[in-house]
Amino acid sequence: MFICRKLKHLYTAFSYWMEFFGWTTPTISQEVDEISIAGAVKLVNYFKSHAKRVYSKFNSTPEERQIKQILDWIRKNGGVSTVREIQMNKVGGVKRSSEIIARFNAMQDMGQGLIEKIQKKTGGRPIIQFRTNA
């Protein structure tokens, strides 16, 4: 990732800044100490982790964003949800039940949980629900 390669060059600069401003030690010296270098490494790693999170959102497809929204919604609502509940609550902007089933299949393929089909005692179509992994 481009931004991560660029951040690697900031280790030295951050080390000098931390030393100069006295963020790591109360005394200012002409040399950069180990504490400043360790602080710079932590700071760069922090920036890298956030850059990866931001850039992953830019590169995701609409389907991937829908899957994430559906998974988040299911987890917030007890870890189990039916196709109808997703549809009625307009989760992820998915409108058709066939699209929701396709997202359920993708989530199952990703190992995020299992699709369950529950047959009603009165007959009719089975209830399709998704149960996330604990």
Protein backbone atom coordinates (compact mmCIF):
# COMPACT_ATOMS: atom_id res chain seq x y z
CA MET A 1 0.00 0.00 0.00
CA PHE A 2 1.40 3.36 -1.05
CA ILE A 3 0.59 5.22 2.18
CA CYS A 4 2.33 2.58 4.33
CA ARG A 5 5.52 2.88 2.27
CA LYS A 6 5.36 6.64 2.64
CA LEU A 7 4.86 6.44 6.42
CA LYS A 8 7.98 4.32 6.86
CA HIS A 9 10.05 7.37 5.96
CA LEU A 10 8.54 9.31 8.86
CA TYR A 11 10.18 7.23 11.63
CA THR A 12 13.21 9.51 11.74
CA ALA A 13 11.21 12.72 11.53
CA PHE A 14 8.83 11.64 14.31
CA SER A 15 11.79 10.58 16.46
CA TYR A 16 13.32 14.04 16.12
CA TRP A 17 10.01 15.77 16.82
CA MET A 18 9.39 13.71 19.92
CA GLU A 19 12.87 14.45 21.19
CA PHE A 20 12.74 18.15 20.30
CA PHE A 21 9.34 18.79 21.88
CA GLY A 22 10.18 16.70 24.92
CA TRP A 23 7.19 14.38 24.50
CA THR A 24 9.13 11.33 25.63
CA THR A 25 11.64 12.74 28.11
CA PRO A 26 11.56 16.01 30.04
CA THR A 27 15.10 16.99 29.02
CA ILE A 28 16.06 18.12 25.55
CA SER A 29 19.26 16.70 24.11
CA GLN A 30 21.11 16.80 20.80
CA GLU A 31 20.70 13.03 20.26
CA VAL A 32 17.55 11.01 19.79
CA ASP A 33 17.11 8.43 22.53
CA GLU A 34 15.53 4.99 22.39
CA ILE A 35 12.32 6.21 24.00
CA SER A 36 11.80 8.73 21.19
CA ILE A 37 12.43 6.08 18.55
CA ALA A 38 9.99 3.68 20.25
CA GLY A 39 7.41 6.47 20.40
CA ALA A 40 7.92 7.22 16.72
CA VAL A 41 7.42 3.55 15.84
CA LYS A 42 4.16 3.48 17.82
CA LEU A 43 2.97 6.67 16.16
CA VAL A 44 3.73 5.45 12.63
CA ASN A 45 2.05 2.08 13.35
CA TYR A 46 -1.00 3.96 14.62
CA PHE A 47 -1.17 6.02 11.41
CA LYS A 48 -0.67 2.89 9.27
CA SER A 49 -3.53 1.03 10.96
CA HIS A 50 -5.91 3.94 10.40
CA ALA A 51 -4.76 4.44 6.82
CA LYS A 52 -5.46 0.77 6.08
CA ARG A 53 -8.96 1.07 7.54
CA VAL A 54 -9.74 4.17 5.48
CA TYR A 55 -8.28 2.82 2.23
CA SER A 56 -10.13 -0.49 2.62
CA LYS A 57 -13.41 1.43 2.52
CA PHE A 58 -12.41 3.12 -0.74
CA ASN A 59 -11.60 -0.17 -2.44
CA SER A 60 -14.68 -2.13 -1.36
CA THR A 61 -17.53 -2.96 -3.73
CA PRO A 62 -21.16 -2.06 -3.02
CA GLU A 63 -21.83 -5.74 -2.25
CA GLU A 64 -18.99 -5.83 0.29
CA ARG A 65 -20.35 -2.71 1.98
CA GLN A 66 -23.83 -4.25 2.09
CA ILE A 67 -22.43 -7.44 3.62
CA LYS A 68 -20.65 -5.42 6.29
CA GLN A 69 -23.78 -3.43 7.09
CA ILE A 70 -25.91 -6.59 7.26
CA LEU A 71 -23.40 -8.37 9.51
CA ASP A 72 -23.14 -5.36 11.81
CA TRP A 73 -26.94 -5.11 12.02
CA ILE A 74 -27.36 -8.83 12.74
CA ARG A 75 -24.72 -8.71 15.48
CA LYS A 76 -26.37 -5.66 17.07
CA ASN A 77 -29.72 -7.45 17.05
CA GLY A 78 -28.84 -10.71 18.78
CA GLY A 79 -26.74 -12.53 16.19
CA VAL A 80 -29.67 -14.06 14.27
CA SER A 81 -31.86 -12.47 11.62
CA THR A 82 -34.28 -13.57 8.94
CA VAL A 83 -34.40 -12.41 5.34
CA ARG A 84 -37.65 -10.63 6.12
CA GLU A 85 -36.17 -8.72 9.06
CA ILE A 86 -33.31 -7.48 6.89
CA GLN A 87 -35.77 -6.49 4.19
CA MET A 88 -38.25 -4.75 6.49
CA ASN A 89 -35.51 -2.75 8.24
CA LYS A 90 -33.91 -1.79 4.92
CA VAL A 91 -30.47 -2.90 6.08
CA GLY A 92 -27.67 -2.12 3.65
CA GLY A 93 -30.07 -0.80 1.05
CA VAL A 94 -30.90 -4.33 -0.13
CA LYS A 95 -34.51 -4.48 -1.33
CA ARG A 96 -35.16 -7.91 -2.81
CA SER A 97 -35.15 -11.13 -0.81
CA SER A 98 -33.09 -12.82 -3.53
CA GLU A 99 -30.35 -10.20 -2.99
CA ILE A 100 -30.42 -10.80 0.77
CA ILE A 101 -30.12 -14.56 0.26
CA ALA A 102 -27.16 -13.91 -2.05
CA ARG A 103 -25.52 -11.79 0.70
CA PHE A 104 -26.27 -14.54 3.26
CA ASN A 105 -24.56 -17.06 0.96
CA ALA A 106 -21.53 -14.77 0.61
CA MET A 107 -21.36 -14.29 4.38
CA GLN A 108 -21.52 -18.04 4.90
CA ASP A 109 -18.76 -18.56 2.30
CA MET A 110 -16.66 -16.02 4.20
CA GLY A 111 -17.10 -18.09 7.36
CA GLN A 112 -19.10 -15.40 9.18
CA GLY A 113 -21.94 -17.73 10.16
CA LEU A 114 -24.51 -20.20 8.88
CA ILE A 115 -27.74 -20.05 6.92
CA GLU A 116 -30.59 -21.89 8.59
CA LYS A 117 -33.85 -22.92 6.96
CA ILE A 118 -36.72 -23.39 9.38
CA GLN A 119 -39.83 -25.15 8.12
CA LYS A 120 -43.06 -23.90 9.68
CA LYS A 121 -45.40 -26.51 11.15
CA THR A 122 -48.23 -25.09 9.08
CA GLY A 123 -46.32 -25.63 5.84
CA GLY A 124 -45.45 -23.04 3.25
CA ARG A 125 -42.08 -21.58 2.48
CA PRO A 126 -39.30 -22.12 4.99
CA ILE A 127 -38.00 -19.18 7.02
CA ILE A 128 -34.42 -18.41 5.99
CA GLN A 129 -32.26 -16.86 8.65
CA PHE A 130 -28.58 -16.17 9.19
CA ARG A 131 -26.83 -16.96 12.47
CA THR A 132 -23.45 -15.28 13.02
CA ASN A 133 -20.53 -17.04 14.67
CA ALA A 134 -20.25 -16.29 18.37
